[in-house]
Amino acid sequence: MSNGQLSAIPLSEETRAAVLAAQGMARNALQRHYRYLSSLLAEEDVAAIRAALAGELQPHVEDVAKLHEAERWRDALLSGDERQLAAFVERYPPCDRAHVRLLVGHARRELELGKPPKSARELFRYVRRLLDPRD
């Protein structure tokens, strides 16, 4: 976690300092430090910490889910099944069907020729932009 994210977690100053001190420690020292941290956390409000962590990590979980959805759509489009393209266009009407078809064709050709997947990456970026326009 970044220092900004850590500051949003309700911890005592001693516990916060101990968490920050753990960064960059060697493995054997870290094991001892974890035991020390667990003794400090026993005195903290664990429910409040969990709630704050859930709030801090939630945007990350949503972003990962969107990436996985974009990967699924890209793989489905690259499968060559026209029904997948129709389903994609139906689900995302602002989609440029001709552009997607072109990217799919190029990506499949690159795959057959053993070339780097430039068009597959472009297709992924295009799908991701459609899924989350704020990116």
N, C-alpha and C. Protein backbone atom coordinates (compact mmCIF):
# COMPACT_ATOMS: atom_id res chain seq x y z
N MET A 1 0.84 -1.18 0.00
CA MET A 1 0.00 0.00 0.00
C MET A 1 0.88 1.24 0.00
N SER A 2 0.37 2.28 -0.61
CA SER A 2 1.09 3.55 -0.58
C SER A 2 0.89 4.20 0.79
N ASN A 3 1.69 5.20 1.07
CA ASN A 3 1.54 5.90 2.35
C ASN A 3 0.19 6.58 2.45
N GLY A 4 -0.33 7.08 1.33
CA GLY A 4 -1.65 7.70 1.32
C GLY A 4 -2.75 6.70 1.66
N GLN A 5 -2.66 5.50 1.07
CA GLN A 5 -3.65 4.46 1.38
C GLN A 5 -3.53 4.03 2.83
N LEU A 6 -2.29 3.91 3.30
CA LEU A 6 -2.08 3.49 4.69
C LEU A 6 -2.61 4.52 5.67
N SER A 7 -2.55 5.78 5.31
CA SER A 7 -3.05 6.82 6.22
C SER A 7 -4.56 6.75 6.37
N ALA A 8 -5.26 6.13 5.42
CA ALA A 8 -6.71 6.00 5.51
C ALA A 8 -7.13 4.85 6.42
N ILE A 9 -6.18 4.02 6.85
CA ILE A 9 -6.48 2.89 7.72
C ILE A 9 -6.37 3.35 9.17
N PRO A 10 -7.39 3.07 9.99
CA PRO A 10 -7.36 3.54 11.38
C PRO A 10 -6.39 2.72 12.24
N LEU A 11 -5.16 3.20 12.34
CA LEU A 11 -4.13 2.54 13.14
C LEU A 11 -3.56 3.54 14.13
N SER A 12 -3.07 3.02 15.26
CA SER A 12 -2.37 3.89 16.19
C SER A 12 -1.04 4.29 15.55
N GLU A 13 -0.44 5.35 16.04
CA GLU A 13 0.81 5.82 15.46
C GLU A 13 1.91 4.77 15.60
N GLU A 14 1.92 4.05 16.71
CA GLU A 14 2.94 3.01 16.93
C GLU A 14 2.80 1.89 15.90
N THR A 15 1.57 1.46 15.65
CA THR A 15 1.33 0.39 14.67
C THR A 15 1.64 0.87 13.26
N ARG A 16 1.24 2.09 12.94
CA ARG A 16 1.52 2.65 11.62
C ARG A 16 3.04 2.72 11.38
N ALA A 17 3.78 3.15 12.40
CA ALA A 17 5.24 3.23 12.28
C ALA A 17 5.85 1.84 12.09
N ALA A 18 5.29 0.85 12.78
CA ALA A 18 5.80 -0.52 12.65
C ALA A 18 5.51 -1.08 11.26
N VAL A 19 4.35 -0.75 10.71
CA VAL A 19 4.02 -1.21 9.35
C VAL A 19 4.97 -0.57 8.35
N LEU A 20 5.22 0.71 8.50
CA LEU A 20 6.13 1.41 7.60
C LEU A 20 7.56 0.88 7.73
N ALA A 21 7.95 0.51 8.95
CA ALA A 21 9.30 0.00 9.18
C ALA A 21 9.51 -1.35 8.51
N ALA A 22 8.43 -2.09 8.26
CA ALA A 22 8.54 -3.42 7.66
C ALA A 22 8.98 -3.34 6.20
N GLN A 23 8.78 -2.20 5.57
CA GLN A 23 9.16 -2.07 4.16
C GLN A 23 10.68 -2.14 4.02
N GLY A 24 11.12 -3.05 3.18
CA GLY A 24 12.55 -3.18 2.90
C GLY A 24 13.32 -4.04 3.88
N MET A 25 12.64 -4.69 4.80
CA MET A 25 13.34 -5.55 5.75
C MET A 25 13.73 -6.87 5.10
N ALA A 26 14.80 -7.44 5.60
CA ALA A 26 15.22 -8.77 5.14
C ALA A 26 14.23 -9.80 5.64
N ARG A 27 14.20 -10.96 5.00
CA ARG A 27 13.19 -11.97 5.30
C ARG A 27 13.22 -12.43 6.76
N ASN A 28 14.40 -12.72 7.29
CA ASN A 28 14.45 -13.21 8.68
C ASN A 28 14.03 -12.12 9.66
N ALA A 29 14.41 -10.88 9.39
CA ALA A 29 13.98 -9.78 10.25
C ALA A 29 12.49 -9.55 10.12
N LEU A 30 11.98 -9.75 8.92
CA LEU A 30 10.56 -9.55 8.67
C LEU A 30 9.72 -10.55 9.46
N GLN A 31 10.19 -11.77 9.58
CA GLN A 31 9.46 -12.78 10.36
C GLN A 31 9.31 -12.32 11.81
N ARG A 32 10.40 -11.84 12.39
CA ARG A 32 10.33 -11.34 13.77
C ARG A 32 9.42 -10.12 13.84
N HIS A 33 9.51 -9.25 12.85
CA HIS A 33 8.70 -8.03 12.84
C HIS A 33 7.21 -8.36 12.72
N TYR A 34 6.86 -9.39 11.97
CA TYR A 34 5.45 -9.81 11.88
C TYR A 34 4.92 -10.22 13.25
N ARG A 35 5.72 -10.91 14.02
CA ARG A 35 5.28 -11.29 15.38
C ARG A 35 5.03 -10.04 16.22
N TYR A 36 5.93 -9.06 16.09
CA TYR A 36 5.76 -7.80 16.81
C TYR A 36 4.49 -7.09 16.34
N LEU A 37 4.29 -7.05 15.02
CA LEU A 37 3.09 -6.41 14.47
C LEU A 37 1.82 -7.09 14.95
N SER A 38 1.85 -8.42 15.04
CA SER A 38 0.64 -9.13 15.49
C SER A 38 0.32 -8.77 16.94
N SER A 39 1.33 -8.55 17.77
CA SER A 39 1.05 -8.13 19.15
C SER A 39 0.47 -6.73 19.18
N LEU A 40 0.93 -5.85 18.28
CA LEU A 40 0.36 -4.50 18.21
C LEU A 40 -1.07 -4.52 17.69
N LEU A 41 -1.32 -5.36 16.69
CA LEU A 41 -2.66 -5.43 16.10
C LEU A 41 -3.68 -6.01 17.07
N ALA A 42 -3.23 -6.77 18.05
CA ALA A 42 -4.15 -7.32 19.04
C ALA A 42 -4.83 -6.21 19.84
N GLU A 43 -4.19 -5.05 19.90
CA GLU A 43 -4.75 -3.92 20.64
C GLU A 43 -5.55 -2.97 19.75
N GLU A 44 -5.61 -3.24 18.45
CA GLU A 44 -6.31 -2.36 17.50
C GLU A 44 -7.75 -2.84 17.29
N ASP A 45 -8.56 -1.97 16.70
CA ASP A 45 -9.93 -2.31 16.31
C ASP A 45 -9.88 -3.00 14.95
N VAL A 46 -9.85 -4.32 14.97
CA VAL A 46 -9.65 -5.11 13.75
C VAL A 46 -10.82 -4.94 12.78
N ALA A 47 -12.03 -4.82 13.29
CA ALA A 47 -13.19 -4.65 12.41
C ALA A 47 -13.09 -3.35 11.62
N ALA A 48 -12.65 -2.27 12.28
CA ALA A 48 -12.50 -0.99 11.59
C ALA A 48 -11.37 -1.07 10.56
N ILE A 49 -10.31 -1.78 10.88
CA ILE A 49 -9.19 -1.93 9.94
C ILE A 49 -9.65 -2.72 8.72
N ARG A 50 -10.38 -3.80 8.95
CA ARG A 50 -10.88 -4.61 7.82
C ARG A 50 -11.81 -3.80 6.93
N ALA A 51 -12.69 -3.02 7.54
CA ALA A 51 -13.62 -2.19 6.76
C ALA A 51 -12.86 -1.16 5.93
N ALA A 52 -11.85 -0.54 6.53
CA ALA A 52 -11.06 0.45 5.80
C ALA A 52 -10.26 -0.21 4.68
N LEU A 53 -9.71 -1.38 4.95
CA LEU A 53 -8.97 -2.10 3.91
C LEU A 53 -9.88 -2.48 2.75
N ALA A 54 -11.08 -2.92 3.06
CA ALA A 54 -12.03 -3.28 2.01
C ALA A 54 -12.34 -2.05 1.15
N GLY A 55 -12.48 -0.90 1.78
CA GLY A 55 -12.75 0.32 1.04
C GLY A 55 -11.57 0.76 0.20
N GLU A 56 -10.37 0.59 0.70
CA GLU A 56 -9.16 0.99 -0.04
C GLU A 56 -8.88 0.04 -1.19
N LEU A 57 -9.16 -1.24 -1.00
CA LEU A 57 -8.84 -2.23 -2.02
C LEU A 57 -9.94 -2.42 -3.04
N GLN A 58 -11.15 -1.94 -2.76
CA GLN A 58 -12.29 -2.16 -3.65
C GLN A 58 -12.05 -1.62 -5.06
N PRO A 59 -11.54 -0.41 -5.23
CA PRO A 59 -11.30 0.05 -6.61
C PRO A 59 -10.35 -0.86 -7.37
N HIS A 60 -9.35 -1.38 -6.69
CA HIS A 60 -8.40 -2.29 -7.34
C HIS A 60 -9.11 -3.56 -7.79
N VAL A 61 -9.97 -4.11 -6.96
CA VAL A 61 -10.70 -5.33 -7.29
C VAL A 61 -11.58 -5.08 -8.51
N GLU A 62 -12.25 -3.93 -8.56
CA GLU A 62 -13.10 -3.60 -9.70
C GLU A 62 -12.28 -3.45 -10.98
N ASP A 63 -11.11 -2.82 -10.87
CA ASP A 63 -10.25 -2.66 -12.05
C ASP A 63 -9.78 -4.00 -12.58
N VAL A 64 -9.42 -4.90 -11.68
CA VAL A 64 -8.97 -6.24 -12.09
C VAL A 64 -10.12 -6.99 -12.76
N ALA A 65 -11.33 -6.85 -12.22
CA ALA A 65 -12.48 -7.53 -12.82
C ALA A 65 -12.73 -7.00 -14.24
N LYS A 66 -12.56 -5.69 -14.44
CA LYS A 66 -12.75 -5.13 -15.79
C LYS A 66 -11.68 -5.63 -16.75
N LEU A 67 -10.46 -5.75 -16.26
CA LEU A 67 -9.40 -6.29 -17.11
C LEU A 67 -9.70 -7.73 -17.51
N HIS A 68 -10.18 -8.52 -16.56
CA HIS A 68 -10.52 -9.91 -16.87
C HIS A 68 -11.66 -9.99 -17.87
N GLU A 69 -12.64 -9.10 -17.73
CA GLU A 69 -13.75 -9.09 -18.68
C GLU A 69 -13.25 -8.71 -20.08
N ALA A 70 -12.35 -7.74 -20.15
CA ALA A 70 -11.78 -7.35 -21.44
C ALA A 70 -11.00 -8.51 -22.06
N GLU A 71 -10.26 -9.25 -21.23
CA GLU A 71 -9.53 -10.42 -21.73
C GLU A 71 -10.48 -11.48 -22.27
N ARG A 72 -11.58 -11.71 -21.54
CA ARG A 72 -12.56 -12.71 -22.00
C ARG A 72 -13.16 -12.31 -23.34
N TRP A 73 -13.52 -11.02 -23.48
CA TRP A 73 -14.09 -10.57 -24.74
C TRP A 73 -13.08 -10.67 -25.86
N ARG A 74 -11.82 -10.28 -25.59
CA ARG A 74 -10.79 -10.38 -26.63
C ARG A 74 -10.63 -11.82 -27.09
N ASP A 75 -10.55 -12.75 -26.11
CA ASP A 75 -10.38 -14.16 -26.47
C ASP A 75 -11.59 -14.69 -27.24
N ALA A 76 -12.78 -14.25 -26.82
CA ALA A 76 -13.99 -14.69 -27.51
C ALA A 76 -14.01 -14.16 -28.95
N LEU A 77 -13.61 -12.90 -29.12
CA LEU A 77 -13.59 -12.32 -30.46
C LEU A 77 -12.54 -13.00 -31.34
N LEU A 78 -11.41 -13.36 -30.76
CA LEU A 78 -10.35 -14.02 -31.53
C LEU A 78 -10.67 -15.47 -31.85
N SER A 79 -11.69 -16.03 -31.21
CA SER A 79 -12.05 -17.42 -31.48
C SER A 79 -12.57 -17.60 -32.91
N GLY A 80 -12.99 -16.51 -33.54
CA GLY A 80 -13.46 -16.58 -34.92
C GLY A 80 -14.95 -16.83 -35.05
N ASP A 81 -15.64 -16.95 -33.95
CA ASP A 81 -17.08 -17.21 -33.96
C ASP A 81 -17.82 -15.89 -34.20
N GLU A 82 -18.56 -15.80 -35.28
CA GLU A 82 -19.29 -14.58 -35.63
C GLU A 82 -20.35 -14.23 -34.57
N ARG A 83 -20.85 -15.24 -33.88
CA ARG A 83 -21.85 -14.99 -32.83
C ARG A 83 -21.24 -14.18 -31.69
N GLN A 84 -19.94 -14.40 -31.43
CA GLN A 84 -19.27 -13.63 -30.38
C GLN A 84 -19.18 -12.16 -30.75
N LEU A 85 -18.88 -11.90 -32.02
CA LEU A 85 -18.82 -10.51 -32.49
C LEU A 85 -20.20 -9.87 -32.39
N ALA A 86 -21.23 -10.61 -32.79
CA ALA A 86 -22.60 -10.08 -32.71
C ALA A 86 -22.99 -9.80 -31.26
N ALA A 87 -22.62 -10.70 -30.35
CA ALA A 87 -22.92 -10.51 -28.94
C ALA A 87 -22.18 -9.30 -28.39
N PHE A 88 -20.94 -9.12 -28.82
CA PHE A 88 -20.14 -7.98 -28.36
C PHE A 88 -20.76 -6.67 -28.84
N VAL A 89 -21.13 -6.62 -30.10
CA VAL A 89 -21.73 -5.40 -30.66
C VAL A 89 -23.08 -5.11 -29.99
N GLU A 90 -23.83 -6.15 -29.70
CA GLU A 90 -25.11 -5.96 -29.02
C GLU A 90 -24.90 -5.44 -27.61
N ARG A 91 -23.88 -5.95 -26.93
CA ARG A 91 -23.61 -5.55 -25.54
C ARG A 91 -23.02 -4.14 -25.48
N TYR A 92 -22.21 -3.77 -26.47
CA TYR A 92 -21.55 -2.46 -26.50
C TYR A 92 -21.86 -1.77 -27.83
N PRO A 93 -23.03 -1.13 -27.93
CA PRO A 93 -23.47 -0.50 -29.19
C PRO A 93 -22.51 0.55 -29.76
N PRO A 94 -21.76 1.31 -28.93
CA PRO A 94 -20.86 2.29 -29.55
C PRO A 94 -19.68 1.66 -30.29
N CYS A 95 -19.59 0.36 -30.25
CA CYS A 95 -18.49 -0.37 -30.88
C CYS A 95 -18.49 -0.17 -32.39
N ASP A 96 -17.31 0.00 -32.95
CA ASP A 96 -17.15 0.09 -34.41
C ASP A 96 -16.90 -1.33 -34.92
N ARG A 97 -17.95 -1.94 -35.44
CA ARG A 97 -17.91 -3.35 -35.86
C ARG A 97 -16.80 -3.60 -36.90
N ALA A 98 -16.66 -2.69 -37.86
CA ALA A 98 -15.64 -2.88 -38.91
C ALA A 98 -14.24 -2.83 -38.32
N HIS A 99 -14.03 -1.92 -37.36
CA HIS A 99 -12.71 -1.81 -36.73
C HIS A 99 -12.38 -3.08 -35.94
N VAL A 100 -13.35 -3.59 -35.20
CA VAL A 100 -13.14 -4.82 -34.43
C VAL A 100 -12.86 -5.98 -35.38
N ARG A 101 -13.62 -6.08 -36.44
CA ARG A 101 -13.42 -7.16 -37.42
C ARG A 101 -12.01 -7.08 -38.03
N LEU A 102 -11.57 -5.85 -38.33
CA LEU A 102 -10.24 -5.65 -38.88
C LEU A 102 -9.15 -6.07 -37.88
N LEU A 103 -9.30 -5.65 -36.63
CA LEU A 103 -8.32 -6.02 -35.61
C LEU A 103 -8.28 -7.52 -35.39
N VAL A 104 -9.45 -8.15 -35.38
CA VAL A 104 -9.51 -9.61 -35.21
C VAL A 104 -8.81 -10.31 -36.37
N GLY A 105 -9.07 -9.86 -37.58
CA GLY A 105 -8.43 -10.46 -38.75
C GLY A 105 -6.91 -10.33 -38.70
N HIS A 106 -6.45 -9.13 -38.35
CA HIS A 106 -5.01 -8.92 -38.26
C HIS A 106 -4.40 -9.77 -37.14
N ALA A 107 -5.08 -9.84 -36.01
CA ALA A 107 -4.56 -10.61 -34.87
C ALA A 107 -4.47 -12.10 -35.22
N ARG A 108 -5.49 -12.61 -35.88
CA ARG A 108 -5.47 -14.03 -36.27
C ARG A 108 -4.35 -14.30 -37.28
N ARG A 109 -4.13 -13.39 -38.22
CA ARG A 109 -3.06 -13.54 -39.20
C ARG A 109 -1.69 -13.51 -38.51
N GLU A 110 -1.53 -12.58 -37.56
CA GLU A 110 -0.26 -12.50 -36.82
C GLU A 110 0.00 -13.79 -36.06
N LEU A 111 -1.06 -14.36 -35.48
CA LEU A 111 -0.92 -15.62 -34.75
C LEU A 111 -0.49 -16.75 -35.68
N GLU A 112 -1.11 -16.82 -36.85
CA GLU A 112 -0.77 -17.87 -37.82
C GLU A 112 0.67 -17.75 -38.32
N LEU A 113 1.14 -16.51 -38.47
CA LEU A 113 2.49 -16.28 -38.98
C LEU A 113 3.55 -16.26 -37.88
N GLY A 114 3.11 -16.38 -36.63
CA GLY A 114 4.05 -16.37 -35.51
C GLY A 114 4.64 -15.00 -35.23
N LYS A 115 3.94 -13.96 -35.61
CA LYS A 115 4.41 -12.60 -35.37
C LYS A 115 3.98 -12.14 -33.98
N PRO A 116 4.60 -11.07 -33.48
CA PRO A 116 4.17 -10.52 -32.18
C PRO A 116 2.70 -10.10 -32.24
N PRO A 117 1.97 -10.24 -31.15
CA PRO A 117 0.52 -9.99 -31.15
C PRO A 117 0.14 -8.51 -31.05
N LYS A 118 0.63 -7.70 -31.95
CA LYS A 118 0.35 -6.27 -31.93
C LYS A 118 -1.15 -5.99 -32.04
N SER A 119 -1.81 -6.61 -32.98
CA SER A 119 -3.24 -6.35 -33.19
C SER A 119 -4.09 -6.91 -32.05
N ALA A 120 -3.67 -8.02 -31.46
CA ALA A 120 -4.40 -8.56 -30.31
C ALA A 120 -4.32 -7.58 -29.14
N ARG A 121 -3.16 -6.94 -28.98
CA ARG A 121 -3.03 -5.93 -27.93
C ARG A 121 -3.91 -4.72 -28.22
N GLU A 122 -3.93 -4.30 -29.48
CA GLU A 122 -4.79 -3.17 -29.87
C GLU A 122 -6.26 -3.51 -29.63
N LEU A 123 -6.64 -4.73 -29.96
CA LEU A 123 -8.01 -5.18 -29.74
C LEU A 123 -8.34 -5.14 -28.25
N PHE A 124 -7.40 -5.61 -27.42
CA PHE A 124 -7.61 -5.59 -25.97
C PHE A 124 -7.80 -4.16 -25.48
N ARG A 125 -6.95 -3.24 -25.93
CA ARG A 125 -7.08 -1.84 -25.51
C ARG A 125 -8.42 -1.24 -25.96
N TYR A 126 -8.84 -1.58 -27.17
CA TYR A 126 -10.11 -1.07 -27.69
C TYR A 126 -11.28 -1.60 -26.85
N VAL A 127 -11.25 -2.89 -26.56
CA VAL A 127 -12.31 -3.49 -25.75
C VAL A 127 -12.31 -2.88 -24.36
N ARG A 128 -11.14 -2.69 -23.79
CA ARG A 128 -11.05 -2.11 -22.44
C ARG A 128 -11.62 -0.70 -22.41
N ARG A 129 -11.34 0.09 -23.46
CA ARG A 129 -11.91 1.45 -23.52
C ARG A 129 -13.43 1.41 -23.61
N LEU A 130 -13.98 0.45 -24.32
CA LEU A 130 -15.44 0.33 -24.41
C LEU A 130 -16.04 -0.09 -23.08
N LEU A 131 -15.36 -0.97 -22.36
CA LEU A 131 -15.86 -1.44 -21.08
C LEU A 131 -15.81 -0.35 -20.01
N ASP A 132 -14.77 0.47 -20.05
CA ASP A 132 -14.58 1.51 -19.05
C ASP A 132 -14.17 2.80 -19.75
N PRO A 133 -15.13 3.61 -20.16
CA PRO A 133 -14.82 4.82 -20.95
C PRO A 133 -13.96 5.84 -20.21
N ARG A 134 -13.87 5.74 -18.87
CA ARG A 134 -13.08 6.74 -18.12
C ARG A 134 -11.59 6.54 -18.28
N ASP A 135 -11.15 5.39 -18.81
CA ASP A 135 -9.71 5.15 -18.99
C ASP A 135 -9.16 5.93 -20.16
